[in-house]
Amino acid sequence: MQISVTGHHLDVTDALRTYVEGKFERLERHFDHVTNVHVILSVEKLAQKAEATVHISGGNVFADASHEDMYAAIDGLADKLDRQIKKHKEKVTNHHRSAGGVKSQVSDAG
């Protein structure tokens, strides 16, 4: 998984970069088909904003979070992405359709 971190009106320090990478390792544990992540950290007046686009097999996942503290914004962003990726994984691995679908019942009867 490749992580690119950029900043708008903000210098991305090594501490911020390692913090983001540490938080996003959790996403890869839940779903191993994450190819790359683009994180944008920005400052807008009093709010610190973090947004990310995660490229996964089957599409892209986007989330953003803002807070007074940049580290708290990154935490919120990671939590939102974690929930979205878990939901995507459940959709992909949902096997209910294949076992008892209407098509399989029709072909058995005929």
C-alpha atoms as a PDB file:
ATOM      1  CA  MET A   1       0.000   0.000   0.000  1.00  0.00           C
ATOM      2  CA  GLN A   2       1.363   3.383  -0.993  1.00  0.00           C
ATOM      3  CA  ILE A   3       0.490   6.398   1.120  1.00  0.00           C
ATOM      4  CA  SER A   4       1.004   9.914  -0.207  1.00  0.00           C
ATOM      5  CA  VAL A   5       0.534  12.784   2.228  1.00  0.00           C
ATOM      6  CA  THR A   6       0.239  16.366   1.001  1.00  0.00           C
ATOM      7  CA  GLY A   7      -0.535  19.584   2.795  1.00  0.00           C
ATOM      8  CA  HIS A   8      -2.468  22.712   1.862  1.00  0.00           C
ATOM      9  CA  HIS A   9      -1.385  25.796   3.806  1.00  0.00           C
ATOM     10  CA  LEU A  10       0.533  23.398   6.029  1.00  0.00           C
ATOM     11  CA  ASP A  11       4.006  21.892   6.141  1.00  0.00           C
ATOM     12  CA  VAL A  12       3.742  18.121   6.512  1.00  0.00           C
ATOM     13  CA  THR A  13       6.257  17.214   9.189  1.00  0.00           C
ATOM     14  CA  ASP A  14       7.798  13.796   9.677  1.00  0.00           C
ATOM     15  CA  ALA A  15       5.749  13.372  12.850  1.00  0.00           C
ATOM     16  CA  LEU A  16       2.483  13.961  10.966  1.00  0.00           C
ATOM     17  CA  ARG A  17       3.561  11.644   8.146  1.00  0.00           C
ATOM     18  CA  THR A  18       4.445   8.771  10.494  1.00  0.00           C
ATOM     19  CA  TYR A  19       1.220   9.311  12.467  1.00  0.00           C
ATOM     20  CA  VAL A  20      -0.856   9.057   9.274  1.00  0.00           C
ATOM     21  CA  GLU A  21       1.041   5.950   8.140  1.00  0.00           C
ATOM     22  CA  GLY A  22       0.514   4.325  11.541  1.00  0.00           C
ATOM     23  CA  LYS A  23      -3.218   5.003  11.466  1.00  0.00           C
ATOM     24  CA  PHE A  24      -3.636   3.747   7.913  1.00  0.00           C
ATOM     25  CA  GLU A  25      -1.876   0.446   8.612  1.00  0.00           C
ATOM     26  CA  ARG A  26      -5.058  -0.496  10.476  1.00  0.00           C
ATOM     27  CA  LEU A  27      -7.029  -0.193   7.220  1.00  0.00           C
ATOM     28  CA  GLU A  28      -4.778  -2.674   5.508  1.00  0.00           C
ATOM     29  CA  ARG A  29      -5.321  -5.193   8.304  1.00  0.00           C
ATOM     30  CA  HIS A  30      -9.073  -5.117   7.691  1.00  0.00           C
ATOM     31  CA  PHE A  31      -8.969  -5.210   3.896  1.00  0.00           C
ATOM     32  CA  ASP A  32      -5.808  -6.244   2.066  1.00  0.00           C
ATOM     33  CA  HIS A  33      -6.894  -5.051  -1.398  1.00  0.00           C
ATOM     34  CA  VAL A  34      -5.960  -1.413  -0.694  1.00  0.00           C
ATOM     35  CA  THR A  35      -3.624  -0.261  -3.459  1.00  0.00           C
ATOM     36  CA  ASN A  36      -2.871   3.356  -2.582  1.00  0.00           C
ATOM     37  CA  VAL A  37      -4.052   6.185  -0.363  1.00  0.00           C
ATOM     38  CA  HIS A  38      -3.874   9.930  -0.998  1.00  0.00           C
ATOM     39  CA  VAL A  39      -4.176  12.032   2.167  1.00  0.00           C
ATOM     40  CA  ILE A  40      -4.572  15.813   2.111  1.00  0.00           C
ATOM     41  CA  LEU A  41      -4.037  17.758   5.320  1.00  0.00           C
ATOM     42  CA  SER A  42      -5.163  21.369   5.322  1.00  0.00           C
ATOM     43  CA  VAL A  43      -5.788  24.325   7.605  1.00  0.00           C
ATOM     44  CA  GLU A  44      -8.895  26.459   7.150  1.00  0.00           C
ATOM     45  CA  LYS A  45      -9.062  29.302   9.672  1.00  0.00           C
ATOM     46  CA  LEU A  46      -9.472  27.574  13.054  1.00  0.00           C
ATOM     47  CA  ALA A  47     -10.273  24.103  11.725  1.00  0.00           C
ATOM     48  CA  GLN A  48      -7.699  21.467  10.874  1.00  0.00           C
ATOM     49  CA  LYS A  49      -8.991  19.269   8.060  1.00  0.00           C
ATOM     50  CA  ALA A  50      -7.885  15.820   6.923  1.00  0.00           C
ATOM     51  CA  GLU A  51      -9.299  14.102   3.852  1.00  0.00           C
ATOM     52  CA  ALA A  52      -8.320  10.942   2.046  1.00  0.00           C
ATOM     53  CA  THR A  53      -9.117   8.949  -1.060  1.00  0.00           C
ATOM     54  CA  VAL A  54      -8.464   5.230  -0.760  1.00  0.00           C
ATOM     55  CA  HIS A  55      -8.137   3.237  -3.983  1.00  0.00           C
ATOM     56  CA  ILE A  56      -9.335  -0.324  -3.458  1.00  0.00           C
ATOM     57  CA  SER A  57     -10.323  -3.156  -5.741  1.00  0.00           C
ATOM     58  CA  GLY A  58     -13.863  -2.371  -6.799  1.00  0.00           C
ATOM     59  CA  GLY A  59     -13.728   1.416  -6.468  1.00  0.00           C
ATOM     60  CA  ASN A  60     -12.615   4.373  -4.414  1.00  0.00           C
ATOM     61  CA  VAL A  61     -13.511   5.355  -0.865  1.00  0.00           C
ATOM     62  CA  PHE A  62     -13.458   9.015   0.210  1.00  0.00           C
ATOM     63  CA  ALA A  63     -13.769  10.523   3.674  1.00  0.00           C
ATOM     64  CA  ASP A  64     -12.915  13.757   5.417  1.00  0.00           C
ATOM     65  CA  ALA A  65     -12.843  14.986   8.998  1.00  0.00           C
ATOM     66  CA  SER A  66     -12.147  18.320  10.633  1.00  0.00           C
ATOM     67  CA  HIS A  67     -11.232  19.212  14.193  1.00  0.00           C
ATOM     68  CA  GLU A  68      -9.360  21.876  16.129  1.00  0.00           C
ATOM     69  CA  ASP A  69      -6.411  19.478  16.490  1.00  0.00           C
ATOM     70  CA  MET A  70      -4.808  17.891  13.415  1.00  0.00           C
ATOM     71  CA  TYR A  71      -4.115  14.595  15.181  1.00  0.00           C
ATOM     72  CA  ALA A  72      -7.777  14.355  16.244  1.00  0.00           C
ATOM     73  CA  ALA A  73      -8.836  15.077  12.648  1.00  0.00           C
ATOM     74  CA  ILE A  74      -6.581  12.250  11.436  1.00  0.00           C
ATOM     75  CA  ASP A  75      -8.091   9.925  14.071  1.00  0.00           C
ATOM     76  CA  GLY A  76     -11.609  10.785  12.912  1.00  0.00           C
ATOM     77  CA  LEU A  77     -10.624  10.293   9.292  1.00  0.00           C
ATOM     78  CA  ALA A  78      -9.126   6.870   9.999  1.00  0.00           C
ATOM     79  CA  ASP A  79     -12.269   5.814  11.899  1.00  0.00           C
ATOM     80  CA  LYS A  80     -14.560   6.892   9.056  1.00  0.00           C
ATOM     81  CA  LEU A  81     -12.455   5.110   6.451  1.00  0.00           C
ATOM     82  CA  ASP A  82     -12.287   2.021   8.641  1.00  0.00           C
ATOM     83  CA  ARG A  83     -16.089   1.838   8.806  1.00  0.00           C
ATOM     84  CA  GLN A  84     -16.451   2.398   5.055  1.00  0.00           C
ATOM     85  CA  ILE A  85     -13.872  -0.235   4.154  1.00  0.00           C
ATOM     86  CA  LYS A  86     -15.463  -2.790   6.486  1.00  0.00           C
ATOM     87  CA  LYS A  87     -18.820  -2.105   4.819  1.00  0.00           C
ATOM     88  CA  HIS A  88     -17.254  -2.482   1.365  1.00  0.00           C
ATOM     89  CA  LYS A  89     -15.612  -5.736   2.409  1.00  0.00           C
ATOM     90  CA  GLU A  90     -18.929  -7.106   3.665  1.00  0.00           C
ATOM     91  CA  LYS A  91     -20.576  -6.211   0.357  1.00  0.00           C
ATOM     92  CA  VAL A  92     -17.834  -7.933  -1.614  1.00  0.00           C
ATOM     93  CA  THR A  93     -17.837 -11.090   0.527  1.00  0.00           C
ATOM     94  CA  ASN A  94     -21.633 -11.367   0.806  1.00  0.00           C
ATOM     95  CA  HIS A  95     -22.453 -14.863  -0.437  1.00  0.00           C
ATOM     96  CA  HIS A  96     -26.167 -14.865   0.366  1.00  0.00           C
ATOM     97  CA  ARG A  97     -27.115 -14.233  -3.248  1.00  0.00           C
ATOM     98  CA  SER A  98     -25.395 -17.324  -4.648  1.00  0.00           C
ATOM     99  CA  ALA A  99     -26.908 -19.981  -2.347  1.00  0.00           C
ATOM    100  CA  GLY A 100     -30.660 -19.392  -2.283  1.00  0.00           C
ATOM    101  CA  GLY A 101     -31.351 -17.073  -5.155  1.00  0.00           C
ATOM    102  CA  VAL A 102     -34.449 -17.151  -7.327  1.00  0.00           C
ATOM    103  CA  LYS A 103     -32.481 -18.200 -10.410  1.00  0.00           C
ATOM    104  CA  SER A 104     -31.119 -21.325  -8.709  1.00  0.00           C
ATOM    105  CA  GLN A 105     -34.630 -22.315  -7.571  1.00  0.00           C
ATOM    106  CA  VAL A 106     -36.042 -21.874 -11.079  1.00  0.00           C
ATOM    107  CA  SER A 107     -33.311 -23.981 -12.697  1.00  0.00           C
ATOM    108  CA  ASP A 108     -33.817 -26.785 -10.124  1.00  0.00           C
ATOM    109  CA  ALA A 109     -37.550 -26.922 -10.787  1.00  0.00           C
ATOM    110  CA  GLY A 110     -37.251 -27.014 -14.583  1.00  0.00           C
END
